[in-house]
Amino acid sequence: MQVIRLLHTRYRLDDLERSVKFYKEILGLEEVRRHKSPRGSELVFLKAPASEETIELCHFPSSGPVHVQPDLTHLAFEVANLTEFQQHLSRHGMKYSDGPHMKPDGSGGFAFIDAPEGYEVELIQRSAIAQQSGAAY
């Protein structure tokens, strides 16, 4: 017996709407559903345009405040161009928290931004060859 596919990743939050706004406005994710769980958690599922997997944002105040320790976890998203994404961030009053770090040949690179609640988001620009072959960064 084995699993078939990854369906979603969950992040618990203190401020659900602030995070939903970040993931939608800054990263361009689409909200695919929203509901309350049987135990009372408020859940919002988001996805990137070319992905099947979703991110589950969870607000469950009775679990206590969220404390995200540095470098614990991050989400990674592909972007077409890190320089253009940096300009997009600037228009929203944001900047990279680390990077961009480009490959010596300029064919790709990565950078990080901080999401609300302290979660890190990695942004990866893959080379044209990697994009065509579907290879990971």
C-alpha atoms as a PDB file:
ATOM      1  CA  MET A   1       0.000   0.000   0.000  1.00  0.00           C
ATOM      2  CA  GLN A   2       1.270   3.482  -0.840  1.00  0.00           C
ATOM      3  CA  VAL A   3      -0.062   7.009  -1.073  1.00  0.00           C
ATOM      4  CA  ILE A   4      -1.204   8.225  -4.466  1.00  0.00           C
ATOM      5  CA  ARG A   5      -0.501  11.975  -4.477  1.00  0.00           C
ATOM      6  CA  LEU A   6       0.002  15.016  -2.293  1.00  0.00           C
ATOM      7  CA  LEU A   7      -3.303  16.838  -1.862  1.00  0.00           C
ATOM      8  CA  HIS A   8      -2.575  19.779   0.425  1.00  0.00           C
ATOM      9  CA  THR A   9      -0.262  21.294   2.992  1.00  0.00           C
ATOM     10  CA  ARG A  10      -1.697  22.970   6.092  1.00  0.00           C
ATOM     11  CA  TYR A  11      -0.496  26.069   7.901  1.00  0.00           C
ATOM     12  CA  ARG A  12      -2.204  27.217  11.079  1.00  0.00           C
ATOM     13  CA  LEU A  13      -2.533  30.976  11.508  1.00  0.00           C
ATOM     14  CA  ASP A  14      -3.611  33.606  13.995  1.00  0.00           C
ATOM     15  CA  ASP A  15      -4.924  36.047  11.360  1.00  0.00           C
ATOM     16  CA  LEU A  16      -6.651  34.136   8.583  1.00  0.00           C
ATOM     17  CA  GLU A  17      -7.816  37.066   6.439  1.00  0.00           C
ATOM     18  CA  ARG A  18      -4.426  38.799   6.496  1.00  0.00           C
ATOM     19  CA  SER A  19      -2.776  35.618   5.235  1.00  0.00           C
ATOM     20  CA  VAL A  20      -5.460  34.920   2.627  1.00  0.00           C
ATOM     21  CA  LYS A  21      -4.933  38.445   1.288  1.00  0.00           C
ATOM     22  CA  PHE A  22      -1.147  37.879   1.098  1.00  0.00           C
ATOM     23  CA  TYR A  23      -1.416  34.569  -0.757  1.00  0.00           C
ATOM     24  CA  LYS A  24      -3.992  35.945  -3.188  1.00  0.00           C
ATOM     25  CA  GLU A  25      -2.620  39.466  -3.817  1.00  0.00           C
ATOM     26  CA  ILE A  26       1.128  38.885  -3.543  1.00  0.00           C
ATOM     27  CA  LEU A  27       1.460  35.336  -4.865  1.00  0.00           C
ATOM     28  CA  GLY A  28      -1.608  35.266  -7.111  1.00  0.00           C
ATOM     29  CA  LEU A  29      -3.090  32.088  -5.643  1.00  0.00           C
ATOM     30  CA  GLU A  30      -6.747  31.290  -6.208  1.00  0.00           C
ATOM     31  CA  GLU A  31      -9.137  30.549  -3.349  1.00  0.00           C
ATOM     32  CA  VAL A  32     -10.790  27.245  -4.244  1.00  0.00           C
ATOM     33  CA  ARG A  33     -12.929  26.653  -1.151  1.00  0.00           C
ATOM     34  CA  ARG A  34     -13.628  27.866   2.343  1.00  0.00           C
ATOM     35  CA  HIS A  35     -15.503  26.168   5.167  1.00  0.00           C
ATOM     36  CA  LYS A  36     -15.614  25.457   8.885  1.00  0.00           C
ATOM     37  CA  SER A  37     -14.457  22.020  10.038  1.00  0.00           C
ATOM     38  CA  PRO A  38     -16.549  19.861  12.390  1.00  0.00           C
ATOM     39  CA  ARG A  39     -14.260  20.856  15.286  1.00  0.00           C
ATOM     40  CA  GLY A  40     -14.622  24.567  14.512  1.00  0.00           C
ATOM     41  CA  SER A  41     -11.488  25.417  12.523  1.00  0.00           C
ATOM     42  CA  GLU A  42     -11.933  28.024   9.814  1.00  0.00           C
ATOM     43  CA  LEU A  43     -10.295  26.647   6.665  1.00  0.00           C
ATOM     44  CA  VAL A  44      -9.372  28.291   3.361  1.00  0.00           C
ATOM     45  CA  PHE A  45      -7.866  26.287   0.497  1.00  0.00           C
ATOM     46  CA  LEU A  46      -5.747  28.059  -2.141  1.00  0.00           C
ATOM     47  CA  LYS A  47      -3.850  26.867  -5.199  1.00  0.00           C
ATOM     48  CA  ALA A  48      -1.378  28.139  -7.749  1.00  0.00           C
ATOM     49  CA  PRO A  49      -2.660  28.347 -11.353  1.00  0.00           C
ATOM     50  CA  ALA A  50      -0.582  25.421 -12.688  1.00  0.00           C
ATOM     51  CA  SER A  51      -0.834  23.179  -9.592  1.00  0.00           C
ATOM     52  CA  GLU A  52      -3.296  20.584  -8.397  1.00  0.00           C
ATOM     53  CA  GLU A  53      -2.107  20.615  -4.784  1.00  0.00           C
ATOM     54  CA  THR A  54      -3.610  23.155  -2.420  1.00  0.00           C
ATOM     55  CA  ILE A  55      -2.519  25.044   0.652  1.00  0.00           C
ATOM     56  CA  GLU A  56      -4.895  24.816   3.599  1.00  0.00           C
ATOM     57  CA  LEU A  57      -4.837  27.909   5.796  1.00  0.00           C
ATOM     58  CA  CYS A  58      -6.326  27.121   9.182  1.00  0.00           C
ATOM     59  CA  HIS A  59      -7.535  29.436  11.929  1.00  0.00           C
ATOM     60  CA  PHE A  60      -8.220  27.562  15.186  1.00  0.00           C
ATOM     61  CA  PRO A  61      -7.931  30.004  18.110  1.00  0.00           C
ATOM     62  CA  SER A  62      -8.586  27.399  20.804  1.00  0.00           C
ATOM     63  CA  SER A  63      -5.228  25.782  19.921  1.00  0.00           C
ATOM     64  CA  GLY A  64      -3.434  28.879  21.222  1.00  0.00           C
ATOM     65  CA  PRO A  65      -1.253  31.393  19.408  1.00  0.00           C
ATOM     66  CA  VAL A  66       0.918  30.362  16.476  1.00  0.00           C
ATOM     67  CA  HIS A  67       4.685  30.545  17.003  1.00  0.00           C
ATOM     68  CA  VAL A  68       6.613  29.828  13.803  1.00  0.00           C
ATOM     69  CA  GLN A  69      10.249  29.164  14.584  1.00  0.00           C
ATOM     70  CA  PRO A  70      12.813  30.384  12.023  1.00  0.00           C
ATOM     71  CA  ASP A  71      13.732  28.028   9.194  1.00  0.00           C
ATOM     72  CA  LEU A  72      11.172  25.400  10.245  1.00  0.00           C
ATOM     73  CA  THR A  73       9.296  25.067   6.960  1.00  0.00           C
ATOM     74  CA  HIS A  74       8.603  26.896   3.737  1.00  0.00           C
ATOM     75  CA  LEU A  75       6.540  26.720   0.581  1.00  0.00           C
ATOM     76  CA  ALA A  76       8.310  26.959  -2.774  1.00  0.00           C
ATOM     77  CA  PHE A  77       6.718  28.446  -5.894  1.00  0.00           C
ATOM     78  CA  GLU A  78       8.026  28.824  -9.411  1.00  0.00           C
ATOM     79  CA  VAL A  79       8.057  32.331 -10.888  1.00  0.00           C
ATOM     80  CA  ALA A  80       8.854  33.306 -14.467  1.00  0.00           C
ATOM     81  CA  ASN A  81      11.350  36.028 -13.537  1.00  0.00           C
ATOM     82  CA  LEU A  82      12.740  36.966 -10.113  1.00  0.00           C
ATOM     83  CA  THR A  83      13.550  40.526 -11.183  1.00  0.00           C
ATOM     84  CA  GLU A  84      10.001  41.137 -12.374  1.00  0.00           C
ATOM     85  CA  PHE A  85       8.604  39.535  -9.215  1.00  0.00           C
ATOM     86  CA  GLN A  86      10.828  41.831  -7.151  1.00  0.00           C
ATOM     87  CA  GLN A  87       9.218  44.813  -8.929  1.00  0.00           C
ATOM     88  CA  HIS A  88       5.774  43.346  -8.142  1.00  0.00           C
ATOM     89  CA  LEU A  89       6.753  43.096  -4.465  1.00  0.00           C
ATOM     90  CA  SER A  90       8.007  46.680  -4.491  1.00  0.00           C
ATOM     91  CA  ARG A  91       4.640  47.903  -5.773  1.00  0.00           C
ATOM     92  CA  HIS A  92       3.118  46.241  -2.680  1.00  0.00           C
ATOM     93  CA  GLY A  93       5.676  47.775  -0.315  1.00  0.00           C
ATOM     94  CA  MET A  94       7.542  44.489   0.126  1.00  0.00           C
ATOM     95  CA  LYS A  95      10.996  43.171  -0.658  1.00  0.00           C
ATOM     96  CA  TYR A  96      12.851  39.884  -0.647  1.00  0.00           C
ATOM     97  CA  SER A  97      14.000  38.779   2.799  1.00  0.00           C
ATOM     98  CA  ASP A  98      16.871  36.845   1.174  1.00  0.00           C
ATOM     99  CA  GLY A  99      18.174  36.982  -2.379  1.00  0.00           C
ATOM    100  CA  PRO A 100      17.747  36.866  -5.202  1.00  0.00           C
ATOM    101  CA  HIS A 101      20.567  34.363  -5.648  1.00  0.00           C
ATOM    102  CA  MET A 102      21.150  33.711  -9.328  1.00  0.00           C
ATOM    103  CA  LYS A 103      23.098  30.841 -10.883  1.00  0.00           C
ATOM    104  CA  PRO A 104      26.473  32.007 -12.268  1.00  0.00           C
ATOM    105  CA  ASP A 105      25.250  31.552 -15.840  1.00  0.00           C
ATOM    106  CA  GLY A 106      22.096  33.585 -15.104  1.00  0.00           C
ATOM    107  CA  SER A 107      19.845  30.663 -16.038  1.00  0.00           C
ATOM    108  CA  GLY A 108      17.855  30.571 -12.824  1.00  0.00           C
ATOM    109  CA  GLY A 109      17.869  31.373  -9.161  1.00  0.00           C
ATOM    110  CA  PHE A 110      15.873  31.717  -5.991  1.00  0.00           C
ATOM    111  CA  ALA A 111      14.782  34.233  -3.371  1.00  0.00           C
ATOM    112  CA  PHE A 112      12.669  34.281  -0.207  1.00  0.00           C
ATOM    113  CA  ILE A 113       9.887  36.469   1.148  1.00  0.00           C
ATOM    114  CA  ASP A 114       8.233  36.357   4.543  1.00  0.00           C
ATOM    115  CA  ALA A 115       4.534  35.577   4.675  1.00  0.00           C
ATOM    116  CA  PRO A 116       2.322  36.758   7.515  1.00  0.00           C
ATOM    117  CA  GLU A 117       2.765  34.693  10.703  1.00  0.00           C
ATOM    118  CA  GLY A 118       6.474  34.241   9.917  1.00  0.00           C
ATOM    119  CA  TYR A 119       6.266  31.442   7.357  1.00  0.00           C
ATOM    120  CA  GLU A 120       8.889  31.650   4.609  1.00  0.00           C
ATOM    121  CA  VAL A 121       8.058  31.470   0.918  1.00  0.00           C
ATOM    122  CA  GLU A 122      10.736  30.498  -1.584  1.00  0.00           C
ATOM    123  CA  LEU A 123      10.442  31.788  -5.142  1.00  0.00           C
ATOM    124  CA  ILE A 124      12.335  29.872  -7.810  1.00  0.00           C
ATOM    125  CA  GLN A 125      13.159  30.988 -11.331  1.00  0.00           C
ATOM    126  CA  ARG A 126      14.063  27.902 -13.316  1.00  0.00           C
ATOM    127  CA  SER A 127      16.176  27.914 -16.456  1.00  0.00           C
ATOM    128  CA  ALA A 128      14.398  27.667 -19.800  1.00  0.00           C
ATOM    129  CA  ILE A 129      15.818  24.128 -20.238  1.00  0.00           C
ATOM    130  CA  ALA A 130      14.535  23.035 -16.813  1.00  0.00           C
ATOM    131  CA  GLN A 131      11.115  24.529 -17.566  1.00  0.00           C
ATOM    132  CA  GLN A 132      10.889  22.603 -20.853  1.00  0.00           C
ATOM    133  CA  SER A 133      11.975  19.306 -19.305  1.00  0.00           C
ATOM    134  CA  GLY A 134       9.897  19.708 -16.139  1.00  0.00           C
ATOM    135  CA  ALA A 135      13.013  19.190 -14.018  1.00  0.00           C
ATOM    136  CA  ALA A 136      13.143  20.432 -10.453  1.00  0.00           C
ATOM    137  CA  TYR A 137      15.366  23.365  -9.578  1.00  0.00           C
END
